[in-house]
C-alpha atoms as a PDB file:
ATOM      1  CA  MET A   1     -36.678 -11.265  36.336  1.00  0.00           C
ATOM      2  CA  SER A   2     -34.132 -11.108  33.497  1.00  0.00           C
ATOM      3  CA  LEU A   3     -30.586  -9.816  33.486  1.00  0.00           C
ATOM      4  CA  ILE A   4     -29.682  -7.051  31.057  1.00  0.00           C
ATOM      5  CA  LYS A   5     -26.089  -6.379  30.074  1.00  0.00           C
ATOM      6  CA  ARG A   6     -24.965  -2.845  30.992  1.00  0.00           C
ATOM      7  CA  ASN A   7     -23.969  -0.665  28.038  1.00  0.00           C
ATOM      8  CA  PRO A   8     -22.255   2.571  29.202  1.00  0.00           C
ATOM      9  CA  ALA A   9     -22.372   4.080  25.691  1.00  0.00           C
ATOM     10  CA  LYS A  10     -26.147   3.713  25.667  1.00  0.00           C
ATOM     11  CA  GLU A  11     -26.338   5.500  29.017  1.00  0.00           C
ATOM     12  CA  ILE A  12     -24.531   8.499  27.511  1.00  0.00           C
ATOM     13  CA  GLY A  13     -27.093   8.519  24.713  1.00  0.00           C
ATOM     14  CA  PHE A  14     -29.861   8.522  27.332  1.00  0.00           C
ATOM     15  CA  TRP A  15     -28.541  11.830  28.700  1.00  0.00           C
ATOM     16  CA  ASN A  16     -28.639  13.592  25.313  1.00  0.00           C
ATOM     17  CA  GLY A  17     -32.037  15.170  25.784  1.00  0.00           C
ATOM     18  CA  ASP A  18     -31.576  16.111  29.414  1.00  0.00           C
ATOM     19  CA  PHE A  19     -27.879  16.954  29.542  1.00  0.00           C
ATOM     20  CA  PRO A  20     -26.624  19.105  26.592  1.00  0.00           C
ATOM     21  CA  VAL A  21     -22.912  18.582  27.403  1.00  0.00           C
ATOM     22  CA  SER A  22     -23.258  14.847  26.724  1.00  0.00           C
ATOM     23  CA  ARG A  23     -24.198  15.614  23.101  1.00  0.00           C
ATOM     24  CA  GLY A  24     -20.735  17.031  22.604  1.00  0.00           C
ATOM     25  CA  LEU A  25     -19.109  14.075  24.342  1.00  0.00           C
ATOM     26  CA  GLN A  26     -20.971  11.556  22.226  1.00  0.00           C
ATOM     27  CA  THR A  27     -20.061  13.410  19.037  1.00  0.00           C
ATOM     28  CA  LEU A  28     -16.431  13.561  20.182  1.00  0.00           C
ATOM     29  CA  GLN A  29     -16.443   9.818  20.869  1.00  0.00           C
ATOM     30  CA  GLN A  30     -17.892   9.052  17.425  1.00  0.00           C
ATOM     31  CA  ASN A  31     -15.371  11.322  15.731  1.00  0.00           C
ATOM     32  CA  MET A  32     -12.449   9.777  17.619  1.00  0.00           C
ATOM     33  CA  ASN A  33     -13.623   6.246  16.745  1.00  0.00           C
ATOM     34  CA  GLN A  34     -13.896   7.216  13.091  1.00  0.00           C
ATOM     35  CA  LEU A  35     -10.463   8.891  13.186  1.00  0.00           C
ATOM     36  CA  PHE A  36      -8.767   5.811  14.653  1.00  0.00           C
ATOM     37  CA  ASP A  37     -10.559   3.496  12.212  1.00  0.00           C
ATOM     38  CA  GLN A  38      -9.392   5.555   9.247  1.00  0.00           C
ATOM     39  CA  PHE A  39      -5.871   5.992  10.612  1.00  0.00           C
ATOM     40  CA  PHE A  40      -5.240   2.283  11.125  1.00  0.00           C
ATOM     41  CA  ARG A  41      -6.839   1.431   7.786  1.00  0.00           C
ATOM     42  CA  GLY A  42      -4.659   4.015   5.993  1.00  0.00           C
ATOM     43  CA  ASP A  43      -7.612   5.959   4.588  1.00  0.00           C
ATOM     44  CA  ILE A  44      -8.016   9.653   4.095  1.00  0.00           C
ATOM     45  CA  LEU A  45     -10.691  11.759   5.701  1.00  0.00           C
ATOM     46  CA  ASP A  46     -13.454  12.868   3.334  1.00  0.00           C
ATOM     47  CA  ASP A  47     -12.185  16.434   3.122  1.00  0.00           C
ATOM     48  CA  GLY A  48      -8.547  15.349   2.774  1.00  0.00           C
ATOM     49  CA  THR A  49      -7.311  17.729   5.454  1.00  0.00           C
ATOM     50  CA  LEU A  50      -5.767  15.494   8.100  1.00  0.00           C
ATOM     51  CA  PHE A  51      -4.057  12.516   6.497  1.00  0.00           C
ATOM     52  CA  THR A  52      -2.813  11.734   3.045  1.00  0.00           C
ATOM     53  CA  ARG A  53      -3.942   8.456   1.650  1.00  0.00           C
ATOM     54  CA  SER A  54      -1.177   5.917   1.474  1.00  0.00           C
ATOM     55  CA  TRP A  55      -1.106   2.998  -0.885  1.00  0.00           C
ATOM     56  CA  MET A  56       1.743   0.561  -1.169  1.00  0.00           C
ATOM     57  CA  PRO A  57       1.524  -2.097  -3.850  1.00  0.00           C
ATOM     58  CA  ALA A  58       2.480  -5.633  -2.889  1.00  0.00           C
ATOM     59  CA  VAL A  59       5.934  -6.626  -4.161  1.00  0.00           C
ATOM     60  CA  ASP A  60       7.662 -10.005  -4.413  1.00  0.00           C
ATOM     61  CA  ILE A  61      11.405 -10.339  -5.019  1.00  0.00           C
ATOM     62  CA  HIS A  62      12.810 -13.646  -6.253  1.00  0.00           C
ATOM     63  CA  GLU A  63      16.264 -14.782  -7.204  1.00  0.00           C
ATOM     64  CA  SER A  64      16.991 -17.252  -9.971  1.00  0.00           C
ATOM     65  CA  GLU A  65      20.353 -18.552 -11.110  1.00  0.00           C
ATOM     66  CA  ASN A  66      20.685 -15.755 -13.678  1.00  0.00           C
ATOM     67  CA  ALA A  67      18.607 -12.847 -12.382  1.00  0.00           C
ATOM     68  CA  TYR A  68      16.682 -11.075  -9.642  1.00  0.00           C
ATOM     69  CA  ILE A  69      12.982 -10.748 -10.425  1.00  0.00           C
ATOM     70  CA  ILE A  70      10.751  -8.069  -8.888  1.00  0.00           C
ATOM     71  CA  THR A  71       7.011  -8.539  -9.296  1.00  0.00           C
ATOM     72  CA  ALA A  72       4.607  -5.765  -8.221  1.00  0.00           C
ATOM     73  CA  GLU A  73       0.806  -5.812  -8.188  1.00  0.00           C
ATOM     74  CA  LEU A  74      -0.469  -2.544  -9.671  1.00  0.00           C
ATOM     75  CA  PRO A  75      -4.191  -3.078 -10.317  1.00  0.00           C
ATOM     76  CA  GLY A  76      -5.978  -0.348 -12.197  1.00  0.00           C
ATOM     77  CA  LEU A  77      -2.810   1.274 -13.532  1.00  0.00           C
ATOM     78  CA  LYS A  78      -1.562   1.516 -17.096  1.00  0.00           C
ATOM     79  CA  LYS A  79       2.082   1.083 -18.029  1.00  0.00           C
ATOM     80  CA  ASN A  80       2.498   4.807 -18.787  1.00  0.00           C
ATOM     81  CA  GLU A  81       1.430   5.617 -15.184  1.00  0.00           C
ATOM     82  CA  VAL A  82       4.393   3.722 -13.703  1.00  0.00           C
ATOM     83  CA  LYS A  83       7.967   4.994 -13.657  1.00  0.00           C
ATOM     84  CA  ILE A  84      10.992   2.808 -12.896  1.00  0.00           C
ATOM     85  CA  THR A  85      14.378   4.352 -12.135  1.00  0.00           C
ATOM     86  CA  LEU A  86      17.705   2.753 -11.315  1.00  0.00           C
ATOM     87  CA  ASP A  87      20.383   4.877  -9.649  1.00  0.00           C
ATOM     88  CA  ASN A  88      23.408   3.747  -7.606  1.00  0.00           C
ATOM     89  CA  ASN A  89      22.042   0.181  -7.342  1.00  0.00           C
ATOM     90  CA  ILE A  90      18.698   1.402  -5.970  1.00  0.00           C
ATOM     91  CA  ILE A  91      15.658   0.565  -8.058  1.00  0.00           C
ATOM     92  CA  THR A  92      12.594   2.744  -7.503  1.00  0.00           C
ATOM     93  CA  ILE A  93       9.076   2.029  -8.728  1.00  0.00           C
ATOM     94  CA  ARG A  94       6.692   4.964  -8.451  1.00  0.00           C
ATOM     95  CA  GLY A  95       3.332   6.008  -9.777  1.00  0.00           C
ATOM     96  CA  GLU A  96      -0.129   7.161  -8.859  1.00  0.00           C
ATOM     97  CA  LYS A  97      -3.407   5.303  -8.641  1.00  0.00           C
ATOM     98  CA  LYS A  98      -6.144   7.857  -9.205  1.00  0.00           C
ATOM     99  CA  ASP A  99      -9.641   7.822  -7.761  1.00  0.00           C
ATOM    100  CA  GLU A 100     -12.012   7.413 -10.690  1.00  0.00           C
ATOM    101  CA  GLN A 101     -15.327   8.312  -9.079  1.00  0.00           C
ATOM    102  CA  GLU A 102     -16.989  11.708  -9.379  1.00  0.00           C
ATOM    103  CA  LYS A 103     -17.224  12.872  -5.758  1.00  0.00           C
ATOM    104  CA  LYS A 104     -19.864  15.553  -6.384  1.00  0.00           C
ATOM    105  CA  THR A 105     -22.577  13.182  -7.579  1.00  0.00           C
ATOM    106  CA  LEU A 106     -21.910  10.075  -5.474  1.00  0.00           C
ATOM    107  CA  HIS A 107     -22.588   9.574  -1.793  1.00  0.00           C
ATOM    108  CA  SER A 108     -20.125   6.971  -0.529  1.00  0.00           C
ATOM    109  CA  HIS A 109     -21.184   4.562   2.186  1.00  0.00           C
ATOM    110  CA  ARG A 110     -17.966   2.530   2.362  1.00  0.00           C
ATOM    111  CA  LEU A 111     -14.528   3.202   0.907  1.00  0.00           C
ATOM    112  CA  GLU A 112     -12.015   0.358   1.084  1.00  0.00           C
ATOM    113  CA  ARG A 113     -10.010   0.768  -2.108  1.00  0.00           C
ATOM    114  CA  SER A 114      -6.902   2.908  -1.733  1.00  0.00           C
ATOM    115  CA  TYR A 115      -5.642   5.553  -4.096  1.00  0.00           C
ATOM    116  CA  GLY A 116      -2.761   7.943  -4.227  1.00  0.00           C
ATOM    117  CA  LEU A 117       0.929   8.233  -4.905  1.00  0.00           C
ATOM    118  CA  PHE A 118       3.217   5.330  -4.158  1.00  0.00           C
ATOM    119  CA  GLU A 119       6.938   4.753  -4.233  1.00  0.00           C
ATOM    120  CA  ARG A 120       8.850   1.539  -3.491  1.00  0.00           C
ATOM    121  CA  SER A 121      12.664   1.445  -3.472  1.00  0.00           C
ATOM    122  CA  PHE A 122      14.970  -1.540  -3.124  1.00  0.00           C
ATOM    123  CA  THR A 123      18.744  -1.717  -2.821  1.00  0.00           C
ATOM    124  CA  LEU A 124      20.247  -4.145  -5.307  1.00  0.00           C
ATOM    125  CA  PRO A 125      23.438  -6.137  -4.948  1.00  0.00           C
ATOM    126  CA  ALA A 126      26.460  -4.731  -6.784  1.00  0.00           C
ATOM    127  CA  THR A 127      26.429  -7.828  -8.978  1.00  0.00           C
ATOM    128  CA  VAL A 128      23.438  -6.719 -11.081  1.00  0.00           C
ATOM    129  CA  LYS A 129      23.984  -5.819 -14.732  1.00  0.00           C
ATOM    130  CA  THR A 130      22.175  -2.483 -14.748  1.00  0.00           C
ATOM    131  CA  ASP A 131      22.466  -2.082 -18.521  1.00  0.00           C
ATOM    132  CA  ASN A 132      20.257  -5.125 -19.310  1.00  0.00           C
ATOM    133  CA  VAL A 133      17.225  -4.523 -17.073  1.00  0.00           C
ATOM    134  CA  ASP A 134      13.942  -5.719 -18.581  1.00  0.00           C
ATOM    135  CA  ALA A 135      10.474  -4.583 -17.445  1.00  0.00           C
ATOM    136  CA  ARG A 136       7.084  -5.946 -18.544  1.00  0.00           C
ATOM    137  CA  PHE A 137       3.602  -4.765 -17.576  1.00  0.00           C
ATOM    138  CA  ASP A 138       0.721  -7.183 -18.186  1.00  0.00           C
ATOM    139  CA  ASP A 139      -2.775  -7.056 -16.642  1.00  0.00           C
ATOM    140  CA  GLY A 140      -1.727  -4.893 -13.684  1.00  0.00           C
ATOM    141  CA  ILE A 141       1.375  -6.969 -12.894  1.00  0.00           C
ATOM    142  CA  LEU A 142       4.789  -5.329 -13.289  1.00  0.00           C
ATOM    143  CA  THR A 143       7.719  -7.735 -13.676  1.00  0.00           C
ATOM    144  CA  VAL A 144      11.244  -6.325 -13.602  1.00  0.00           C
ATOM    145  CA  THR A 145      14.099  -8.695 -14.435  1.00  0.00           C
ATOM    146  CA  LEU A 146      17.573  -7.670 -13.303  1.00  0.00           C
ATOM    147  CA  PRO A 147      20.244  -9.981 -14.760  1.00  0.00           C
ATOM    148  CA  LYS A 148      23.204 -10.982 -12.629  1.00  0.00           C
ATOM    149  CA  ALA A 149      26.751 -10.286 -13.683  1.00  0.00           C
ATOM    150  CA  GLU A 150      28.834 -13.327 -14.613  1.00  0.00           C
ATOM    151  CA  GLU A 151      30.887 -13.170 -11.416  1.00  0.00           C
ATOM    152  CA  ALA A 152      27.690 -13.425  -9.316  1.00  0.00           C
ATOM    153  CA  LYS A 153      26.467 -16.642 -10.917  1.00  0.00           C
ATOM    154  CA  GLN A 154      27.239 -19.853  -9.117  1.00  0.00           C
ATOM    155  CA  LYS A 155      29.911 -21.955 -10.722  1.00  0.00           C
ATOM    156  CA  LEU A 156      30.140 -25.661 -10.206  1.00  0.00           C
ATOM    157  CA  ILE A 157      33.625 -27.002 -10.041  1.00  0.00           C
ATOM    158  CA  ASP A 158      34.157 -30.710 -10.292  1.00  0.00           C
ATOM    159  CA  VAL A 159      36.771 -31.663  -7.711  1.00  0.00           C
ATOM    160  CA  LYS A 160      38.499 -34.974  -8.266  1.00  0.00           C
ATOM    161  CA  VAL A 161      39.415 -36.861  -5.154  1.00  0.00           C
ATOM    162  CA  LYS A 162      42.755 -38.698  -5.312  1.00  0.00           C
END
């Protein structure tokens, strides 16, 4: 005699032929599992009716002695597809990563890459010189350099002890 692990989901499948209501329950369970998987992964449903696809690029913010440096990963985008605005010490990076595949001819089996509109905003300190902001876009990496005003830079004062 061997022991077999009980699988309740398999038992529901067993009823499909004999019990028509279970067909609806099994389909509902599959749909709910798929819905939760897509929701927590941030995907969109195939017909685009329930959720909008969200995509947030990864951003690093560093501070040097003379500037704040924002680095954003924007793979697959060109520099003319990214817009940077600075208003009231809030810098906003926005753009759209478009899906390149032709949906009518391809049958997708797995979709993990994200597409869609994105917008990232960051509040800057009042000590940023907003008139000298520099932005570079190389190989899908956006680097924005925000120079500090003179009063924000650290000053070393030599104190003589008597």
